[in-house]
Amino acid sequence: MLEALLSFALVAGLLTIVPGVDTALVLRAAVSRGRRYAFATAFGIGSGTLVWGVAAAAGVSALLTASELAYTVLRVAGAVYLVWMGIAMIREARRPVSNPPEAGADSRDSVLAAWARGLGTNLLNPKVGVFYLAMLPQFLPQGVPPLLMGSVLALVHNIEGMLWFSVIITAATVAKTWLSRAAVRRALDTLTGTIVIGFGVKLATTQG
């Protein structure tokens, strides 16, 4: 069991540090809204990842591979969500830049919205479920309940993700004086929005 955990942790850790839409969202949140908002976004992403992992361990996400219609519907919904979010970011970059709120100034509603944004980003990406469905069986030792072991592996991946996001948020906080400049923030919003739209288009056009 320990060998399976370590092997999965290595694979999941390598995948975690590969830049993607999750990294872009957390970085943007750290610069534009502060640490609390960024960590709320990261926890939302982690919550979605954990849901997919447990669902895969329970065999629920097998429906995505068994039903082409279910996979297609979720894939298109996720693509539309990402494109919509990316366009909103690019539009935000065109507006006059105001001073970013202090880390302690985030309201409960805004923090909850950040968590929901992170959660929605992952839950509407069926490839996360397919990833777990493909990976988990390779790391399930004999004699260990699949649901229990699969949930533990998903938790390991989640912890690695939060550690990586913490590094990103800390680095962004250190460099916030430079990153908070109007021109830099506009460029970051535009870049992040473009990346998110790109992932949405890729998700929409990728089959299976």
C-alpha atoms as a PDB file:
ATOM      1  CA  MET A   1       0.000   0.000   0.000  1.00  0.00           C
ATOM      2  CA  LEU A   2       2.870   2.370   0.854  1.00  0.00           C
ATOM      3  CA  GLU A   3       4.535   1.635  -2.480  1.00  0.00           C
ATOM      4  CA  ALA A   4       1.283   2.379  -4.312  1.00  0.00           C
ATOM      5  CA  LEU A   5       0.881   5.667  -2.435  1.00  0.00           C
ATOM      6  CA  LEU A   6       4.432   6.781  -3.193  1.00  0.00           C
ATOM      7  CA  SER A   7       4.188   5.801  -6.856  1.00  0.00           C
ATOM      8  CA  PHE A   8       0.892   7.626  -7.305  1.00  0.00           C
ATOM      9  CA  ALA A   9       2.208  10.654  -5.411  1.00  0.00           C
ATOM     10  CA  LEU A  10       5.134  10.890  -7.835  1.00  0.00           C
ATOM     11  CA  VAL A  11       2.939  10.691 -10.945  1.00  0.00           C
ATOM     12  CA  ALA A  12       0.283  13.038  -9.550  1.00  0.00           C
ATOM     13  CA  GLY A  13       2.933  15.473  -8.336  1.00  0.00           C
ATOM     14  CA  LEU A  14       4.487  15.755 -11.782  1.00  0.00           C
ATOM     15  CA  LEU A  15       1.075  16.387 -13.326  1.00  0.00           C
ATOM     16  CA  THR A  16       0.240  18.959 -10.651  1.00  0.00           C
ATOM     17  CA  ILE A  17       3.129  21.287 -11.500  1.00  0.00           C
ATOM     18  CA  VAL A  18       2.346  21.289 -15.234  1.00  0.00           C
ATOM     19  CA  PRO A  19       0.890  24.759 -15.952  1.00  0.00           C
ATOM     20  CA  GLY A  20      -2.795  24.724 -16.807  1.00  0.00           C
ATOM     21  CA  VAL A  21      -6.040  26.573 -16.322  1.00  0.00           C
ATOM     22  CA  ASP A  22      -6.053  25.855 -12.563  1.00  0.00           C
ATOM     23  CA  THR A  23      -2.640  27.472 -12.129  1.00  0.00           C
ATOM     24  CA  ALA A  24      -3.694  30.481 -14.194  1.00  0.00           C
ATOM     25  CA  LEU A  25      -6.861  31.004 -12.126  1.00  0.00           C
ATOM     26  CA  VAL A  26      -5.064  30.812  -8.788  1.00  0.00           C
ATOM     27  CA  LEU A  27      -2.292  33.155  -9.928  1.00  0.00           C
ATOM     28  CA  ARG A  28      -4.782  35.714 -11.221  1.00  0.00           C
ATOM     29  CA  ALA A  29      -6.800  35.506  -7.990  1.00  0.00           C
ATOM     30  CA  ALA A  30      -3.673  36.057  -5.900  1.00  0.00           C
ATOM     31  CA  VAL A  31      -2.714  39.167  -7.842  1.00  0.00           C
ATOM     32  CA  SER A  32      -6.120  40.755  -8.345  1.00  0.00           C
ATOM     33  CA  ARG A  33      -7.944  39.843  -5.118  1.00  0.00           C
ATOM     34  CA  GLY A  34      -5.411  38.742  -2.507  1.00  0.00           C
ATOM     35  CA  ARG A  35      -4.404  35.633  -0.568  1.00  0.00           C
ATOM     36  CA  ARG A  36      -7.829  34.731   0.855  1.00  0.00           C
ATOM     37  CA  TYR A  37      -9.485  34.871  -2.541  1.00  0.00           C
ATOM     38  CA  ALA A  38      -6.626  32.887  -4.107  1.00  0.00           C
ATOM     39  CA  PHE A  39      -6.739  30.195  -1.429  1.00  0.00           C
ATOM     40  CA  ALA A  40     -10.535  29.999  -1.762  1.00  0.00           C
ATOM     41  CA  THR A  41     -10.092  29.448  -5.502  1.00  0.00           C
ATOM     42  CA  ALA A  42      -7.479  26.779  -4.809  1.00  0.00           C
ATOM     43  CA  PHE A  43      -9.744  25.031  -2.267  1.00  0.00           C
ATOM     44  CA  GLY A  44     -12.555  25.067  -4.832  1.00  0.00           C
ATOM     45  CA  ILE A  45     -10.304  23.431  -7.406  1.00  0.00           C
ATOM     46  CA  GLY A  46      -9.194  20.905  -4.814  1.00  0.00           C
ATOM     47  CA  SER A  47     -12.799  20.178  -3.854  1.00  0.00           C
ATOM     48  CA  GLY A  48     -13.662  19.428  -7.463  1.00  0.00           C
ATOM     49  CA  THR A  49     -10.616  17.199  -7.817  1.00  0.00           C
ATOM     50  CA  LEU A  50     -11.545  15.303  -4.661  1.00  0.00           C
ATOM     51  CA  VAL A  51     -15.125  14.804  -5.865  1.00  0.00           C
ATOM     52  CA  TRP A  52     -13.910  13.372  -9.163  1.00  0.00           C
ATOM     53  CA  GLY A  53     -11.404  11.132  -7.402  1.00  0.00           C
ATOM     54  CA  VAL A  54     -13.952   9.659  -5.013  1.00  0.00           C
ATOM     55  CA  ALA A  55     -16.459   9.298  -7.860  1.00  0.00           C
ATOM     56  CA  ALA A  56     -13.894   7.396  -9.902  1.00  0.00           C
ATOM     57  CA  ALA A  57     -13.065   5.192  -6.922  1.00  0.00           C
ATOM     58  CA  ALA A  58     -16.768   4.427  -6.546  1.00  0.00           C
ATOM     59  CA  GLY A  59     -17.044   3.676 -10.246  1.00  0.00           C
ATOM     60  CA  VAL A  60     -19.445   6.549 -10.873  1.00  0.00           C
ATOM     61  CA  SER A  61     -17.250   8.247 -13.459  1.00  0.00           C
ATOM     62  CA  ALA A  62     -17.240   5.009 -15.460  1.00  0.00           C
ATOM     63  CA  LEU A  63     -20.518   6.324 -16.827  1.00  0.00           C
ATOM     64  CA  LEU A  64     -18.539   8.970 -18.686  1.00  0.00           C
ATOM     65  CA  THR A  65     -16.695   6.338 -20.678  1.00  0.00           C
ATOM     66  CA  ALA A  66     -19.738   4.079 -21.055  1.00  0.00           C
ATOM     67  CA  SER A  67     -22.047   6.850 -22.243  1.00  0.00           C
ATOM     68  CA  GLU A  68     -20.778   8.975 -25.112  1.00  0.00           C
ATOM     69  CA  LEU A  69     -23.782  11.296 -24.713  1.00  0.00           C
ATOM     70  CA  ALA A  70     -23.084  11.943 -21.014  1.00  0.00           C
ATOM     71  CA  TYR A  71     -19.442  12.675 -21.732  1.00  0.00           C
ATOM     72  CA  THR A  72     -20.291  14.979 -24.636  1.00  0.00           C
ATOM     73  CA  VAL A  73     -22.871  16.950 -22.659  1.00  0.00           C
ATOM     74  CA  LEU A  74     -20.486  17.506 -19.754  1.00  0.00           C
ATOM     75  CA  ARG A  75     -17.605  18.315 -22.100  1.00  0.00           C
ATOM     76  CA  VAL A  76     -19.590  20.958 -23.993  1.00  0.00           C
ATOM     77  CA  ALA A  77     -20.925  22.449 -20.743  1.00  0.00           C
ATOM     78  CA  GLY A  78     -17.402  22.681 -19.401  1.00  0.00           C
ATOM     79  CA  ALA A  79     -16.120  24.248 -22.614  1.00  0.00           C
ATOM     80  CA  VAL A  80     -18.865  26.886 -22.610  1.00  0.00           C
ATOM     81  CA  TYR A  81     -18.138  27.679 -18.960  1.00  0.00           C
ATOM     82  CA  LEU A  82     -14.407  28.124 -19.605  1.00  0.00           C
ATOM     83  CA  VAL A  83     -14.917  30.287 -22.698  1.00  0.00           C
ATOM     84  CA  TRP A  84     -17.450  32.446 -20.833  1.00  0.00           C
ATOM     85  CA  MET A  85     -15.061  32.859 -17.908  1.00  0.00           C
ATOM     86  CA  GLY A  86     -12.146  33.673 -20.219  1.00  0.00           C
ATOM     87  CA  ILE A  87     -14.130  36.341 -22.071  1.00  0.00           C
ATOM     88  CA  ALA A  88     -15.131  37.895 -18.739  1.00  0.00           C
ATOM     89  CA  MET A  89     -11.452  38.105 -17.749  1.00  0.00           C
ATOM     90  CA  ILE A  90     -10.461  39.775 -21.022  1.00  0.00           C
ATOM     91  CA  ARG A  91     -13.323  42.269 -20.661  1.00  0.00           C
ATOM     92  CA  GLU A  92     -12.175  42.981 -17.114  1.00  0.00           C
ATOM     93  CA  ALA A  93      -8.681  43.727 -18.431  1.00  0.00           C
ATOM     94  CA  ARG A  94     -10.111  46.521 -20.612  1.00  0.00           C
ATOM     95  CA  ARG A  95     -11.695  48.336 -17.675  1.00  0.00           C
ATOM     96  CA  PRO A  96      -9.895  50.980 -15.621  1.00  0.00           C
ATOM     97  CA  VAL A  97      -7.784  49.245 -13.004  1.00  0.00           C
ATOM     98  CA  SER A  98      -8.623  50.124  -9.413  1.00  0.00           C
ATOM     99  CA  ASN A  99      -6.515  49.322  -6.402  1.00  0.00           C
ATOM    100  CA  PRO A 100      -6.811  45.643  -5.495  1.00  0.00           C
ATOM    101  CA  PRO A 101      -8.554  44.910  -2.190  1.00  0.00           C
ATOM    102  CA  GLU A 102      -6.452  44.035   0.783  1.00  0.00           C
ATOM    103  CA  ALA A 103      -6.227  40.377   1.733  1.00  0.00           C
ATOM    104  CA  GLY A 104      -8.406  40.941   4.794  1.00  0.00           C
ATOM    105  CA  ALA A 105     -11.006  42.919   2.900  1.00  0.00           C
ATOM    106  CA  ASP A 106     -12.503  39.978   1.020  1.00  0.00           C
ATOM    107  CA  SER A 107     -16.119  39.527   1.991  1.00  0.00           C
ATOM    108  CA  ARG A 108     -17.534  36.126   2.795  1.00  0.00           C
ATOM    109  CA  ASP A 109     -19.564  36.237  -0.401  1.00  0.00           C
ATOM    110  CA  SER A 110     -16.551  36.963  -2.603  1.00  0.00           C
ATOM    111  CA  VAL A 111     -14.547  34.178  -0.979  1.00  0.00           C
ATOM    112  CA  LEU A 112     -17.447  31.786  -1.494  1.00  0.00           C
ATOM    113  CA  ALA A 113     -17.687  32.910  -5.127  1.00  0.00           C
ATOM    114  CA  ALA A 114     -13.978  32.212  -5.561  1.00  0.00           C
ATOM    115  CA  TRP A 115     -14.433  28.715  -4.126  1.00  0.00           C
ATOM    116  CA  ALA A 116     -17.423  28.113  -6.416  1.00  0.00           C
ATOM    117  CA  ARG A 117     -15.439  29.260  -9.452  1.00  0.00           C
ATOM    118  CA  GLY A 118     -12.645  26.817  -8.677  1.00  0.00           C
ATOM    119  CA  LEU A 119     -15.130  24.026  -7.981  1.00  0.00           C
ATOM    120  CA  GLY A 120     -17.047  24.630 -11.204  1.00  0.00           C
ATOM    121  CA  THR A 121     -13.867  24.689 -13.269  1.00  0.00           C
ATOM    122  CA  ASN A 122     -13.003  21.141 -12.232  1.00  0.00           C
ATOM    123  CA  LEU A 123     -16.463  19.591 -11.957  1.00  0.00           C
ATOM    124  CA  LEU A 124     -17.295  20.649 -15.518  1.00  0.00           C
ATOM    125  CA  ASN A 125     -14.134  19.068 -16.887  1.00  0.00           C
ATOM    126  CA  PRO A 126     -14.869  15.394 -17.620  1.00  0.00           C
ATOM    127  CA  LYS A 127     -11.214  14.765 -18.404  1.00  0.00           C
ATOM    128  CA  VAL A 128     -10.485  14.986 -14.676  1.00  0.00           C
ATOM    129  CA  GLY A 129     -12.864  12.076 -14.083  1.00  0.00           C
ATOM    130  CA  VAL A 130     -11.444  10.107 -17.007  1.00  0.00           C
ATOM    131  CA  PHE A 131      -7.930  10.717 -15.660  1.00  0.00           C
ATOM    132  CA  TYR A 132      -8.847   9.223 -12.305  1.00  0.00           C
ATOM    133  CA  LEU A 133     -10.701   6.363 -13.912  1.00  0.00           C
ATOM    134  CA  ALA A 134      -7.598   5.497 -15.950  1.00  0.00           C
ATOM    135  CA  MET A 135      -5.037   6.054 -13.181  1.00  0.00           C
ATOM    136  CA  LEU A 136      -6.591   4.723  -9.985  1.00  0.00           C
ATOM    137  CA  PRO A 137      -6.877   1.042 -10.988  1.00  0.00           C
ATOM    138  CA  GLN A 138      -3.117   0.964 -11.583  1.00  0.00           C
ATOM    139  CA  PHE A 139      -2.448   1.895  -7.962  1.00  0.00           C
ATOM    140  CA  LEU A 140      -4.988  -0.247  -6.123  1.00  0.00           C
ATOM    141  CA  PRO A 141      -3.221  -2.996  -4.107  1.00  0.00           C
ATOM    142  CA  GLN A 142      -4.935  -6.339  -3.783  1.00  0.00           C
ATOM    143  CA  GLY A 143      -6.909  -6.813  -0.610  1.00  0.00           C
ATOM    144  CA  VAL A 144      -7.562  -3.100  -0.106  1.00  0.00           C
ATOM    145  CA  PRO A 145     -11.145  -1.811  -0.604  1.00  0.00           C
ATOM    146  CA  PRO A 146     -11.121   0.140  -3.914  1.00  0.00           C
ATOM    147  CA  LEU A 147     -13.316   2.956  -2.602  1.00  0.00           C
ATOM    148  CA  LEU A 148     -11.109   3.503   0.443  1.00  0.00           C
ATOM    149  CA  MET A 149      -7.833   3.323  -1.460  1.00  0.00           C
ATOM    150  CA  GLY A 150      -9.131   5.413  -4.334  1.00  0.00           C
ATOM    151  CA  SER A 151     -10.308   8.095  -1.928  1.00  0.00           C
ATOM    152  CA  VAL A 152      -6.909   8.127  -0.198  1.00  0.00           C
ATOM    153  CA  LEU A 153      -5.124   8.507  -3.537  1.00  0.00           C
ATOM    154  CA  ALA A 154      -7.439  11.347  -4.500  1.00  0.00           C
ATOM    155  CA  LEU A 155      -6.695  13.003  -1.152  1.00  0.00           C
ATOM    156  CA  VAL A 156      -2.948  12.659  -1.789  1.00  0.00           C
ATOM    157  CA  HIS A 157      -3.368  14.373  -5.160  1.00  0.00           C
ATOM    158  CA  ASN A 158      -5.455  17.068  -3.514  1.00  0.00           C
ATOM    159  CA  ILE A 159      -2.808  17.752  -0.852  1.00  0.00           C
ATOM    160  CA  GLU A 160      -0.100  17.999  -3.513  1.00  0.00           C
ATOM    161  CA  GLY A 161      -2.237  20.450  -5.446  1.00  0.00           C
ATOM    162  CA  MET A 162      -2.776  22.649  -2.390  1.00  0.00           C
ATOM    163  CA  LEU A 163       0.948  22.657  -1.621  1.00  0.00           C
ATOM    164  CA  TRP A 164       1.715  23.716  -5.187  1.00  0.00           C
ATOM    165  CA  PHE A 165      -0.951  26.425  -5.108  1.00  0.00           C
ATOM    166  CA  SER A 166       0.487  27.670  -1.801  1.00  0.00           C
ATOM    167  CA  VAL A 167       3.858  28.105  -3.495  1.00  0.00           C
ATOM    168  CA  ILE A 168       2.232  30.024  -6.359  1.00  0.00           C
ATOM    169  CA  ILE A 169       0.230  32.252  -4.005  1.00  0.00           C
ATOM    170  CA  THR A 170       3.265  32.977  -1.825  1.00  0.00           C
ATOM    171  CA  ALA A 171       5.401  33.844  -4.844  1.00  0.00           C
ATOM    172  CA  ALA A 172       2.660  36.100  -6.214  1.00  0.00           C
ATOM    173  CA  THR A 173       2.350  37.827  -2.839  1.00  0.00           C
ATOM    174  CA  VAL A 174       6.089  38.514  -2.717  1.00  0.00           C
ATOM    175  CA  ALA A 175       5.986  39.983  -6.221  1.00  0.00           C
ATOM    176  CA  LYS A 176       2.633  41.714  -5.743  1.00  0.00           C
ATOM    177  CA  THR A 177       4.039  45.247  -5.850  1.00  0.00           C
ATOM    178  CA  TRP A 178       5.218  44.681  -9.404  1.00  0.00           C
ATOM    179  CA  LEU A 179       2.333  42.432 -10.427  1.00  0.00           C
ATOM    180  CA  SER A 180      -0.235  44.954  -9.164  1.00  0.00           C
ATOM    181  CA  ARG A 181       0.829  47.614 -11.655  1.00  0.00           C
ATOM    182  CA  ALA A 182      -2.008  48.554 -13.971  1.00  0.00           C
ATOM    183  CA  ALA A 183      -0.271  47.456 -17.172  1.00  0.00           C
ATOM    184  CA  VAL A 184       0.884  44.172 -15.644  1.00  0.00           C
ATOM    185  CA  ARG A 185      -2.559  43.377 -14.235  1.00  0.00           C
ATOM    186  CA  ARG A 186      -4.206  44.084 -17.587  1.00  0.00           C
ATOM    187  CA  ALA A 187      -1.676  41.849 -19.305  1.00  0.00           C
ATOM    188  CA  LEU A 188      -2.198  39.112 -16.696  1.00  0.00           C
ATOM    189  CA  ASP A 189      -5.992  39.266 -17.036  1.00  0.00           C
ATOM    190  CA  THR A 190      -5.728  39.160 -20.834  1.00  0.00           C
ATOM    191  CA  LEU A 191      -3.236  36.292 -20.754  1.00  0.00           C
ATOM    192  CA  THR A 192      -5.248  34.315 -18.210  1.00  0.00           C
ATOM    193  CA  GLY A 193      -8.477  34.868 -20.138  1.00  0.00           C
ATOM    194  CA  THR A 194      -6.822  33.762 -23.367  1.00  0.00           C
ATOM    195  CA  ILE A 195      -5.453  30.624 -21.697  1.00  0.00           C
ATOM    196  CA  VAL A 196      -8.853  29.783 -20.230  1.00  0.00           C
ATOM    197  CA  ILE A 197     -10.568  30.291 -23.596  1.00  0.00           C
ATOM    198  CA  GLY A 198      -7.913  28.126 -25.210  1.00  0.00           C
ATOM    199  CA  PHE A 199      -8.573  25.315 -22.757  1.00  0.00           C
ATOM    200  CA  GLY A 200     -12.299  25.698 -23.359  1.00  0.00           C
ATOM    201  CA  VAL A 201     -11.879  25.442 -27.133  1.00  0.00           C
ATOM    202  CA  LYS A 202      -9.547  22.461 -26.706  1.00  0.00           C
ATOM    203  CA  LEU A 203     -12.056  20.755 -24.434  1.00  0.00           C
ATOM    204  CA  ALA A 204     -14.869  21.384 -26.926  1.00  0.00           C
ATOM    205  CA  THR A 205     -12.939  20.055 -29.914  1.00  0.00           C
ATOM    206  CA  THR A 206     -11.270  17.065 -28.273  1.00  0.00           C
ATOM    207  CA  GLN A 207     -13.108  13.785 -28.699  1.00  0.00           C
ATOM    208  CA  GLY A 208     -12.935  11.179 -25.949  1.00  0.00           C
END
